[in-house]
Amino acid sequence: MFTSRRFKTPVIDDALSSNIDAMLEDKLLDLFKYAMRSVAATLARAAQFDTSDFANTAESGCDGFTLAIRQVFPGERDAWLGVFESGEQRLEVVGHLE
């Protein structure tokens, strides 16, 4: 039976950060998991967001970042690469849905 990718469990495989503290990194990783599930449920191979597009980012300190997310393997919607950027701050994330 087919299950929508929106209901699969997001898993972070690797993350590499530059000039981002651990608390902000955790919040951005949660945002990546949400975005990964949301984009995987569509036919999009890539997407770009401003973190202000998501609810509660200002309160969590995630406001002001851009997120570019794309499929690791074109045509496979379970593995994703994301890059958050804001000035000198950068976080690269690889994750998948299981």
N, C-alpha and C. Protein backbone atom coordinates (compact mmCIF):
# COMPACT_ATOMS: atom_id res chain seq x y z
N MET A 1 0.84 -1.18 0.00
CA MET A 1 0.00 0.00 0.00
C MET A 1 0.88 1.24 0.00
N PHE A 2 0.53 2.21 -0.82
CA PHE A 2 1.29 3.45 -0.95
C PHE A 2 0.99 4.39 0.22
N THR A 3 2.05 4.94 0.81
CA THR A 3 1.91 5.94 1.85
C THR A 3 2.50 7.24 1.34
N SER A 4 1.78 8.33 1.51
CA SER A 4 2.27 9.63 1.07
C SER A 4 3.59 9.94 1.75
N ARG A 5 4.48 10.57 1.01
CA ARG A 5 5.78 10.96 1.57
C ARG A 5 5.61 11.96 2.71
N ARG A 6 4.50 12.65 2.75
CA ARG A 6 4.24 13.60 3.82
C ARG A 6 4.18 12.90 5.18
N PHE A 7 3.86 11.60 5.19
CA PHE A 7 3.72 10.86 6.44
C PHE A 7 4.94 10.00 6.76
N LYS A 8 5.96 10.04 5.91
CA LYS A 8 7.18 9.28 6.19
C LYS A 8 8.00 10.00 7.25
N THR A 9 8.89 9.27 7.89
CA THR A 9 9.72 9.84 8.95
C THR A 9 10.97 10.47 8.35
N PRO A 10 11.21 11.76 8.62
CA PRO A 10 12.42 12.40 8.11
C PRO A 10 13.63 12.06 8.98
N VAL A 11 14.76 11.78 8.33
CA VAL A 11 16.00 11.42 9.02
C VAL A 11 17.11 12.32 8.49
N ILE A 12 17.88 12.91 9.40
CA ILE A 12 19.04 13.72 9.02
C ILE A 12 20.24 12.78 8.94
N ASP A 13 20.88 12.72 7.77
CA ASP A 13 22.05 11.86 7.58
C ASP A 13 23.35 12.58 7.91
N ASP A 14 23.41 13.86 7.58
CA ASP A 14 24.64 14.61 7.82
C ASP A 14 24.33 16.10 7.79
N ALA A 15 25.09 16.87 8.54
CA ALA A 15 24.94 18.32 8.55
C ALA A 15 26.31 18.95 8.76
N LEU A 16 26.57 20.02 8.02
CA LEU A 16 27.82 20.75 8.13
C LEU A 16 27.48 22.22 8.27
N SER A 17 27.88 22.82 9.41
CA SER A 17 27.50 24.21 9.66
C SER A 17 28.72 25.11 9.73
N SER A 18 28.48 26.38 9.42
CA SER A 18 29.51 27.40 9.50
C SER A 18 28.90 28.63 10.16
N ASN A 19 29.47 29.03 11.30
CA ASN A 19 29.02 30.22 12.05
C ASN A 19 27.59 30.10 12.56
N ILE A 20 27.17 28.89 12.92
CA ILE A 20 25.83 28.67 13.47
C ILE A 20 25.98 27.92 14.79
N ASP A 21 25.35 28.44 15.85
CA ASP A 21 25.44 27.75 17.14
C ASP A 21 24.52 26.52 17.16
N ALA A 22 24.74 25.65 18.12
CA ALA A 22 24.05 24.36 18.18
C ALA A 22 22.53 24.52 18.32
N MET A 23 22.09 25.50 19.09
CA MET A 23 20.66 25.68 19.30
C MET A 23 19.96 26.12 18.00
N LEU A 24 20.56 27.06 17.29
CA LEU A 24 20.00 27.50 16.01
C LEU A 24 20.06 26.36 14.99
N GLU A 25 21.14 25.59 15.00
CA GLU A 25 21.26 24.46 14.08
C GLU A 25 20.12 23.46 14.29
N ASP A 26 19.81 23.16 15.53
CA ASP A 26 18.70 22.22 15.82
C ASP A 26 17.38 22.74 15.26
N LYS A 27 17.14 24.04 15.40
CA LYS A 27 15.89 24.62 14.90
C LYS A 27 15.85 24.59 13.37
N LEU A 28 16.99 24.87 12.73
CA LEU A 28 17.04 24.81 11.27
C LEU A 28 16.88 23.38 10.77
N LEU A 29 17.43 22.41 11.49
CA LEU A 29 17.27 21.01 11.10
C LEU A 29 15.80 20.59 11.18
N ASP A 30 15.10 21.05 12.21
CA ASP A 30 13.66 20.76 12.30
C ASP A 30 12.91 21.37 11.11
N LEU A 31 13.30 22.58 10.73
CA LEU A 31 12.68 23.24 9.58
C LEU A 31 12.98 22.47 8.29
N PHE A 32 14.21 21.96 8.16
CA PHE A 32 14.58 21.16 6.98
C PHE A 32 13.74 19.89 6.90
N LYS A 33 13.54 19.23 8.03
CA LYS A 33 12.71 18.01 8.04
C LYS A 33 11.30 18.31 7.54
N TYR A 34 10.74 19.41 8.01
CA TYR A 34 9.39 19.80 7.58
C TYR A 34 9.37 20.10 6.08
N ALA A 35 10.35 20.87 5.61
CA ALA A 35 10.41 21.24 4.20
C ALA A 35 10.64 20.01 3.32
N MET A 36 11.48 19.08 3.79
CA MET A 36 11.77 17.86 3.02
C MET A 36 10.49 17.06 2.81
N ARG A 37 9.72 16.86 3.86
CA ARG A 37 8.46 16.12 3.73
C ARG A 37 7.47 16.85 2.83
N SER A 38 7.41 18.16 2.98
CA SER A 38 6.46 18.95 2.18
C SER A 38 6.80 18.92 0.70
N VAL A 39 8.06 19.10 0.34
CA VAL A 39 8.47 19.11 -1.06
C VAL A 39 8.42 17.71 -1.66
N ALA A 40 8.77 16.70 -0.89
CA ALA A 40 8.76 15.32 -1.39
C ALA A 40 7.36 14.86 -1.78
N ALA A 41 6.35 15.45 -1.18
CA ALA A 41 4.97 15.07 -1.48
C ALA A 41 4.50 15.66 -2.81
N THR A 42 5.32 16.50 -3.43
CA THR A 42 4.98 17.11 -4.72
C THR A 42 5.85 16.49 -5.82
N LEU A 43 5.69 16.97 -7.03
CA LEU A 43 6.53 16.52 -8.14
C LEU A 43 7.78 17.38 -8.31
N ALA A 44 7.98 18.37 -7.44
CA ALA A 44 9.12 19.27 -7.55
C ALA A 44 10.43 18.53 -7.28
N ARG A 45 11.44 18.84 -8.07
CA ARG A 45 12.78 18.28 -7.86
C ARG A 45 13.64 19.21 -7.03
N ALA A 46 13.24 20.47 -6.94
CA ALA A 46 13.97 21.47 -6.18
C ALA A 46 13.00 22.57 -5.77
N ALA A 47 13.36 23.27 -4.70
CA ALA A 47 12.54 24.39 -4.23
C ALA A 47 13.43 25.36 -3.47
N GLN A 48 12.99 26.60 -3.39
CA GLN A 48 13.71 27.60 -2.62
C GLN A 48 12.71 28.37 -1.77
N PHE A 49 13.09 28.60 -0.53
CA PHE A 49 12.23 29.28 0.42
C PHE A 49 13.03 30.35 1.16
N ASP A 50 12.32 31.34 1.67
CA ASP A 50 12.83 32.20 2.73
C ASP A 50 12.25 31.61 4.01
N THR A 51 13.03 31.57 5.06
CA THR A 51 12.50 30.98 6.29
C THR A 51 11.29 31.75 6.81
N SER A 52 11.15 33.01 6.41
CA SER A 52 9.97 33.78 6.82
C SER A 52 8.69 33.23 6.20
N ASP A 53 8.81 32.33 5.19
CA ASP A 53 7.64 31.68 4.60
C ASP A 53 6.99 30.70 5.58
N PHE A 54 7.72 30.27 6.59
CA PHE A 54 7.23 29.29 7.55
C PHE A 54 6.77 30.00 8.82
N ALA A 55 5.74 29.45 9.45
CA ALA A 55 5.21 30.02 10.69
C ALA A 55 6.23 29.90 11.82
N ASN A 56 6.25 30.87 12.70
CA ASN A 56 7.03 30.85 13.95
C ASN A 56 8.54 30.94 13.77
N THR A 57 9.05 31.28 12.58
CA THR A 57 10.51 31.34 12.44
C THR A 57 11.10 32.55 13.16
N ALA A 58 10.37 33.65 13.23
CA ALA A 58 10.88 34.83 13.92
C ALA A 58 11.07 34.54 15.40
N GLU A 59 10.10 33.85 16.01
CA GLU A 59 10.19 33.53 17.43
C GLU A 59 11.31 32.54 17.73
N SER A 60 11.61 31.66 16.78
CA SER A 60 12.63 30.63 17.02
C SER A 60 14.03 31.09 16.63
N GLY A 61 14.15 32.29 16.03
CA GLY A 61 15.46 32.80 15.66
C GLY A 61 15.93 32.33 14.29
N CYS A 62 15.08 31.70 13.53
CA CYS A 62 15.44 31.17 12.21
C CYS A 62 15.15 32.15 11.08
N ASP A 63 14.61 33.30 11.39
CA ASP A 63 14.23 34.27 10.37
C ASP A 63 15.47 34.82 9.67
N GLY A 64 15.33 35.13 8.38
CA GLY A 64 16.43 35.74 7.65
C GLY A 64 17.28 34.78 6.84
N PHE A 65 16.97 33.51 6.86
CA PHE A 65 17.71 32.51 6.08
C PHE A 65 16.97 32.20 4.79
N THR A 66 17.71 31.80 3.78
CA THR A 66 17.10 31.18 2.60
C THR A 66 17.39 29.69 2.70
N LEU A 67 16.48 28.90 2.17
CA LEU A 67 16.66 27.45 2.12
C LEU A 67 16.49 27.01 0.68
N ALA A 68 17.53 26.42 0.12
CA ALA A 68 17.45 25.78 -1.19
C ALA A 68 17.48 24.28 -0.95
N ILE A 69 16.50 23.57 -1.47
CA ILE A 69 16.40 22.13 -1.24
C ILE A 69 16.24 21.45 -2.60
N ARG A 70 16.94 20.34 -2.79
CA ARG A 70 16.85 19.61 -4.06
C ARG A 70 17.03 18.12 -3.82
N GLN A 71 16.58 17.34 -4.78
CA GLN A 71 16.75 15.89 -4.70
C GLN A 71 18.23 15.55 -4.85
N VAL A 72 18.71 14.61 -4.03
CA VAL A 72 20.10 14.16 -4.16
C VAL A 72 20.26 13.39 -5.46
N PHE A 73 19.31 12.51 -5.75
CA PHE A 73 19.31 11.73 -6.98
C PHE A 73 18.08 12.16 -7.78
N PRO A 74 18.25 12.89 -8.89
CA PRO A 74 17.09 13.37 -9.66
C PRO A 74 16.10 12.25 -9.96
N GLY A 75 14.84 12.52 -9.67
CA GLY A 75 13.79 11.54 -9.89
C GLY A 75 13.48 10.67 -8.68
N GLU A 76 14.35 10.66 -7.68
CA GLU A 76 14.14 9.91 -6.44
C GLU A 76 13.71 10.90 -5.36
N ARG A 77 12.52 10.75 -4.85
CA ARG A 77 11.97 11.75 -3.93
C ARG A 77 12.19 11.42 -2.45
N ASP A 78 13.09 10.51 -2.13
CA ASP A 78 13.31 10.17 -0.73
C ASP A 78 14.61 10.72 -0.15
N ALA A 79 15.55 11.18 -0.96
CA ALA A 79 16.83 11.71 -0.48
C ALA A 79 16.97 13.17 -0.92
N TRP A 80 17.30 14.05 0.05
CA TRP A 80 17.30 15.48 -0.20
C TRP A 80 18.54 16.17 0.35
N LEU A 81 18.96 17.22 -0.34
CA LEU A 81 20.07 18.07 0.08
C LEU A 81 19.50 19.47 0.29
N GLY A 82 19.83 20.08 1.41
CA GLY A 82 19.35 21.43 1.69
C GLY A 82 20.49 22.34 2.12
N VAL A 83 20.40 23.61 1.76
CA VAL A 83 21.40 24.60 2.16
C VAL A 83 20.67 25.82 2.70
N PHE A 84 20.94 26.13 3.97
CA PHE A 84 20.45 27.36 4.59
C PHE A 84 21.57 28.39 4.51
N GLU A 85 21.24 29.63 4.15
CA GLU A 85 22.24 30.69 4.11
C GLU A 85 21.66 32.00 4.61
N SER A 86 22.49 32.72 5.36
CA SER A 86 22.17 34.08 5.80
C SER A 86 23.49 34.78 6.10
N GLY A 87 23.91 35.65 5.20
CA GLY A 87 25.20 36.33 5.38
C GLY A 87 26.33 35.33 5.46
N GLU A 88 27.07 35.35 6.57
CA GLU A 88 28.20 34.44 6.77
C GLU A 88 27.78 33.09 7.37
N GLN A 89 26.52 32.95 7.70
CA GLN A 89 26.02 31.71 8.29
C GLN A 89 25.56 30.76 7.19
N ARG A 90 25.93 29.49 7.34
CA ARG A 90 25.58 28.48 6.33
C ARG A 90 25.42 27.12 7.01
N LEU A 91 24.41 26.39 6.58
CA LEU A 91 24.18 25.03 7.07
C LEU A 91 23.81 24.16 5.87
N GLU A 92 24.61 23.11 5.64
CA GLU A 92 24.33 22.15 4.58
C GLU A 92 23.80 20.88 5.23
N VAL A 93 22.71 20.34 4.70
CA VAL A 93 22.04 19.19 5.31
C VAL A 93 21.73 18.14 4.25
N VAL A 94 21.96 16.88 4.59
CA VAL A 94 21.54 15.76 3.76
C VAL A 94 20.58 14.93 4.60
N GLY A 95 19.44 14.59 4.03
CA GLY A 95 18.46 13.80 4.76
C GLY A 95 17.67 12.91 3.83
N HIS A 96 16.90 12.03 4.43
CA HIS A 96 16.04 11.14 3.64
C HIS A 96 14.75 10.85 4.40
N LEU A 97 13.81 10.29 3.69
CA LEU A 97 12.53 9.89 4.28
C LEU A 97 12.47 8.38 4.31
N GLU A 98 12.01 7.83 5.43
CA GLU A 98 11.86 6.37 5.52
C GLU A 98 10.51 5.99 6.07
